[in-house]
């Protein structure tokens, strides 16, 4: 019996474990940001993970070098979940940077919360900023950050699949629905503008997912669950509106 296949599997498992450890470190750093770090320094804080992302990229490239020697989908299940988490880390990092920039823009017009709620020209500009934030990082950009290629015609080449990217996007929605509440009750200074931008962003993503004609599989099940994240954020917005903390 040729046991070489087990050696190949072990090599892939070892590389996957290396990526998983780096990715978990990244996710921990990013999760700490959203609960303990003021939004106004996110644009400078989040990029500090650059070195960790570089370590992750190097680990993924090691796996890619090994995996590309074999049929891609023969072993893809070994690392697919880890690659999804790595893609999610990129999506979440980019969103946090954009959110930090939006927070600064939204609050730069006035230091008085009551003045910010007046329909002034500055408020209109801030509303424009709010409507523009929340751009989802593209598949190509995520692949560039991870050091892999997007889906290719040559399926034996290591790549980030479209399904893995979509799964990572749904994970981003899950995390943002939690952030909508945390930004109000767990940060040092309650932040009422972030839930509004999250609400706008995830509803756009939900609309995008509804366009897709998906099979009745794991991805379809997760897409169906997005409505619960949307409902959770809507409840935060509704509560803030009732309390007069945000403009309706």
Protein backbone atom coordinates (compact mmCIF):
# COMPACT_ATOMS: atom_id res chain seq x y z
CA UNK A 1 0.00 0.00 0.00
CA UNK A 2 1.28 3.43 -0.96
CA UNK A 3 1.00 5.63 2.12
CA UNK A 4 2.42 8.70 0.38
CA UNK A 5 -1.03 10.24 0.21
CA UNK A 6 -1.01 10.55 4.01
CA UNK A 7 2.31 12.37 3.91
CA UNK A 8 0.86 14.82 1.42
CA UNK A 9 -2.18 15.35 3.61
CA UNK A 10 0.02 15.96 6.64
CA UNK A 11 2.04 18.58 4.78
CA UNK A 12 -1.17 20.40 3.89
CA UNK A 13 -2.42 20.13 7.47
CA UNK A 14 0.84 21.58 8.78
CA UNK A 15 0.63 24.54 6.42
CA UNK A 16 -3.04 25.04 7.27
CA UNK A 17 -2.24 25.13 10.99
CA UNK A 18 0.39 27.80 10.42
CA UNK A 19 -2.11 29.99 8.54
CA UNK A 20 -4.78 29.36 11.18
CA UNK A 21 -2.56 30.54 14.03
CA UNK A 22 -1.64 33.78 12.24
CA UNK A 23 -5.26 34.39 11.21
CA UNK A 24 -6.55 33.91 14.76
CA UNK A 25 -4.02 36.47 15.97
CA UNK A 26 -5.25 38.92 13.34
CA UNK A 27 -8.91 38.35 14.19
CA UNK A 28 -8.21 38.85 17.87
CA UNK A 29 -6.46 42.15 17.16
CA UNK A 30 -9.34 43.35 15.00
CA UNK A 31 -11.99 42.30 17.52
CA UNK A 32 -10.19 44.24 20.26
CA UNK A 33 -10.26 47.31 18.01
CA UNK A 34 -14.01 47.48 17.77
CA UNK A 35 -14.64 47.31 21.52
CA UNK A 36 -11.72 49.16 23.09
CA UNK A 37 -10.26 51.57 20.54
CA UNK A 38 -11.97 54.90 19.68
CA UNK A 39 -13.19 55.04 16.09
CA UNK A 40 -11.28 58.26 15.45
CA UNK A 41 -7.93 56.44 15.49
CA UNK A 42 -9.01 53.38 13.49
CA UNK A 43 -7.45 54.67 10.25
CA UNK A 44 -4.03 54.57 11.94
CA UNK A 45 -4.59 51.62 14.26
CA UNK A 46 -5.91 49.01 11.83
CA UNK A 47 -2.95 49.33 9.40
CA UNK A 48 -0.69 48.36 12.30
CA UNK A 49 -1.75 44.81 11.52
CA UNK A 50 0.25 45.05 8.27
CA UNK A 51 3.07 42.89 9.61
CA UNK A 52 0.64 40.20 10.75
CA UNK A 53 -1.03 40.24 7.34
CA UNK A 54 2.39 39.82 5.76
CA UNK A 55 3.07 36.77 7.96
CA UNK A 56 -0.30 35.38 6.93
CA UNK A 57 0.45 36.02 3.26
CA UNK A 58 3.76 34.18 3.51
CA UNK A 59 2.12 31.21 5.23
CA UNK A 60 -0.59 31.02 2.56
CA UNK A 61 2.01 31.17 -0.21
CA UNK A 62 3.81 28.20 1.33
CA UNK A 63 0.56 26.25 1.26
CA UNK A 64 -0.15 27.42 -2.29
CA UNK A 65 3.25 26.21 -3.46
CA UNK A 66 2.57 22.77 -2.03
CA UNK A 67 -1.09 22.50 -3.00
CA UNK A 68 -0.56 23.56 -6.62
CA UNK A 69 1.37 20.34 -7.22
CA UNK A 70 -1.88 18.39 -6.82
CA UNK A 71 -5.50 18.56 -8.00
CA UNK A 72 -6.89 21.58 -6.17
CA UNK A 73 -10.28 20.21 -5.11
CA UNK A 74 -8.77 16.94 -3.95
CA UNK A 75 -7.41 18.61 -0.80
CA UNK A 76 -9.24 21.96 -0.79
CA UNK A 77 -11.51 20.93 2.09
CA UNK A 78 -8.45 20.76 4.37
CA UNK A 79 -7.84 24.49 4.28
CA UNK A 80 -11.06 26.03 2.91
CA UNK A 81 -12.41 27.21 6.28
CA UNK A 82 -9.05 28.70 7.25
CA UNK A 83 -8.85 30.57 3.94
CA UNK A 84 -12.37 31.88 4.51
CA UNK A 85 -11.28 33.27 7.89
CA UNK A 86 -8.21 34.84 6.30
CA UNK A 87 -10.41 36.53 3.68
CA UNK A 88 -12.77 37.72 6.41
CA UNK A 89 -9.83 39.30 8.26
CA UNK A 90 -9.05 41.36 5.14
CA UNK A 91 -12.68 42.41 4.67
CA UNK A 92 -13.07 43.39 8.32
CA UNK A 93 -9.75 45.27 8.46
CA UNK A 94 -10.66 47.30 5.37
CA UNK A 95 -14.12 48.07 6.73
CA UNK A 96 -12.67 49.26 10.04
CA UNK A 97 -10.30 51.62 8.25
CA UNK A 98 -13.17 53.05 6.17
CA UNK A 99 -15.35 53.32 9.26
CA UNK A 100 -12.65 55.23 11.10
CA UNK A 101 -12.40 57.71 8.23
CA UNK A 102 -16.19 58.08 8.12
CA UNK A 103 -16.39 58.60 11.88
CA UNK A 104 -13.85 61.42 11.69
CA UNK A 105 -15.69 63.03 8.76
CA UNK A 106 -19.07 62.72 10.45
CA UNK A 107 -17.90 64.26 13.73
CA UNK A 108 -15.61 66.92 12.29
CA UNK A 109 -18.46 69.30 11.53
CA UNK A 110 -19.26 70.04 15.17
CA UNK A 111 -18.26 68.93 18.63
CA UNK A 112 -21.84 69.46 19.84
CA UNK A 113 -24.11 66.44 19.23
CA UNK A 114 -27.19 68.69 19.10
CA UNK A 115 -25.63 70.84 16.40
CA UNK A 116 -24.79 67.75 14.36
CA UNK A 117 -28.46 66.80 14.27
CA UNK A 118 -29.46 70.09 12.64
CA UNK A 119 -30.06 69.87 8.87
CA UNK A 120 -27.14 72.18 8.09
CA UNK A 121 -24.93 72.08 5.02
CA UNK A 122 -22.28 70.35 7.12
CA UNK A 123 -24.79 67.71 8.18
CA UNK A 124 -25.70 67.18 4.52
CA UNK A 125 -22.04 66.64 3.66
CA UNK A 126 -21.71 64.17 6.51
CA UNK A 127 -24.80 62.35 5.27
CA UNK A 128 -23.08 62.11 1.88
CA UNK A 129 -20.02 60.63 3.59
CA UNK A 130 -22.19 58.20 5.47
CA UNK A 131 -23.86 57.04 2.27
CA UNK A 132 -20.53 56.46 0.54
CA UNK A 133 -18.79 54.43 3.24
CA UNK A 134 -19.01 50.70 3.54
CA UNK A 135 -17.50 49.73 0.21
CA UNK A 136 -16.98 45.99 0.17
CA UNK A 137 -13.42 44.98 -0.67
CA UNK A 138 -13.42 43.14 -3.99
CA UNK A 139 -12.44 39.52 -4.49
CA UNK A 140 -9.41 40.62 -6.49
CA UNK A 141 -8.25 42.97 -3.72
CA UNK A 142 -8.67 40.29 -1.06
CA UNK A 143 -6.67 37.85 -3.18
CA UNK A 144 -3.94 40.45 -3.65
CA UNK A 145 -3.69 40.96 0.12
CA UNK A 146 -3.57 37.21 0.77
CA UNK A 147 -1.09 36.58 -2.03
CA UNK A 148 -3.33 34.17 -3.94
CA UNK A 149 -5.18 34.29 -7.23
CA UNK A 150 -8.97 34.47 -7.69
CA UNK A 151 -10.85 31.59 -9.31
CA UNK A 152 -8.99 30.41 -12.40
CA UNK A 153 -9.71 28.31 -15.44
CA UNK A 154 -6.90 26.03 -14.30
CA UNK A 155 -8.59 24.55 -11.23
CA UNK A 156 -5.40 22.82 -10.14
CA UNK A 157 -3.82 26.18 -9.30
CA UNK A 158 -4.25 27.25 -5.70
CA UNK A 159 -6.82 30.05 -5.45
CA UNK A 160 -9.49 31.68 -3.34
CA UNK A 161 -12.81 30.40 -4.61
CA UNK A 162 -15.82 32.65 -5.10
CA UNK A 163 -17.74 30.62 -2.52
CA UNK A 164 -15.00 31.19 0.07
CA UNK A 165 -15.13 34.91 -0.64
CA UNK A 166 -18.92 34.96 -0.26
CA UNK A 167 -18.69 33.00 2.97
CA UNK A 168 -16.18 35.55 4.27
CA UNK A 169 -18.54 38.36 3.29
CA UNK A 170 -21.36 36.78 5.29
CA UNK A 171 -19.00 36.49 8.26
CA UNK A 172 -18.39 40.23 7.89
CA UNK A 173 -22.14 40.85 8.09
CA UNK A 174 -22.34 38.70 11.22
CA UNK A 175 -19.56 40.67 12.88
CA UNK A 176 -20.94 44.06 11.89
CA UNK A 177 -24.35 43.26 13.37
CA UNK A 178 -22.57 42.64 16.66
CA UNK A 179 -20.54 45.80 16.26
CA UNK A 180 -23.71 47.88 15.75
CA UNK A 181 -24.71 47.14 19.34
CA UNK A 182 -21.19 47.22 20.78
CA UNK A 183 -20.50 50.67 19.32
CA UNK A 184 -23.37 52.01 21.42
CA UNK A 185 -22.94 50.21 24.73
CA UNK A 186 -19.33 49.00 24.99
CA UNK A 187 -17.13 51.80 23.70
CA UNK A 188 -15.75 54.52 25.97
CA UNK A 189 -17.85 57.17 24.23
CA UNK A 190 -21.15 55.91 22.82
CA UNK A 191 -21.10 56.05 19.04
CA UNK A 192 -24.49 56.53 17.41
CA UNK A 193 -23.39 57.12 13.82
CA UNK A 194 -21.73 53.75 13.25
CA UNK A 195 -24.95 51.66 13.60
CA UNK A 196 -26.58 53.85 10.96
CA UNK A 197 -23.74 53.22 8.50
CA UNK A 198 -23.73 49.51 9.32
CA UNK A 199 -27.47 49.37 8.68
CA UNK A 200 -26.99 51.00 5.28
CA UNK A 201 -24.06 48.74 4.40
CA UNK A 202 -25.45 45.32 5.33
CA UNK A 203 -28.79 46.05 3.68
CA UNK A 204 -26.92 46.71 0.45
CA UNK A 205 -25.07 43.42 0.86
CA UNK A 206 -28.31 41.61 1.60
CA UNK A 207 -29.80 42.99 -1.61
CA UNK A 208 -26.76 41.78 -3.50
CA UNK A 209 -27.01 38.26 -2.10
CA UNK A 210 -30.72 38.10 -2.98
CA UNK A 211 -29.75 38.52 -6.63
CA UNK A 212 -27.81 35.25 -6.54
CA UNK A 213 -29.52 32.02 -7.54
CA UNK A 214 -27.88 29.68 -5.06
CA UNK A 215 -28.21 25.95 -4.59
CA UNK A 216 -29.77 24.60 -1.42
CA UNK A 217 -26.44 24.13 0.34
CA UNK A 218 -24.38 25.58 3.20
CA UNK A 219 -23.89 28.90 1.43
CA UNK A 220 -27.62 29.25 0.75
CA UNK A 221 -28.35 28.53 4.41
CA UNK A 222 -25.97 31.27 5.57
CA UNK A 223 -27.40 33.74 3.06
CA UNK A 224 -30.86 33.05 4.47
CA UNK A 225 -29.55 33.87 7.96
CA UNK A 226 -28.52 37.40 6.92
CA UNK A 227 -32.07 38.60 7.60
CA UNK A 228 -31.51 38.00 11.31
CA UNK A 229 -28.42 40.21 11.30
CA UNK A 230 -30.35 42.93 9.47
CA UNK A 231 -33.19 42.68 11.99
CA UNK A 232 -30.73 42.96 14.89
CA UNK A 233 -29.26 46.19 13.50
CA UNK A 234 -32.71 47.60 12.70
CA UNK A 235 -33.65 47.10 16.34
CA UNK A 236 -30.61 49.11 17.43
CA UNK A 237 -31.54 51.91 14.99
CA UNK A 238 -35.17 51.86 16.16
CA UNK A 239 -34.16 52.12 19.80
CA UNK A 240 -31.79 55.01 19.12
CA UNK A 241 -34.51 56.79 17.13
CA UNK A 242 -37.03 56.41 19.96
CA UNK A 243 -34.54 57.93 22.37
CA UNK A 244 -33.87 60.85 20.05
CA UNK A 245 -30.20 59.96 19.75
CA UNK A 246 -30.14 59.88 15.96
CA UNK A 247 -32.09 61.62 13.21
CA UNK A 248 -34.90 59.60 11.71
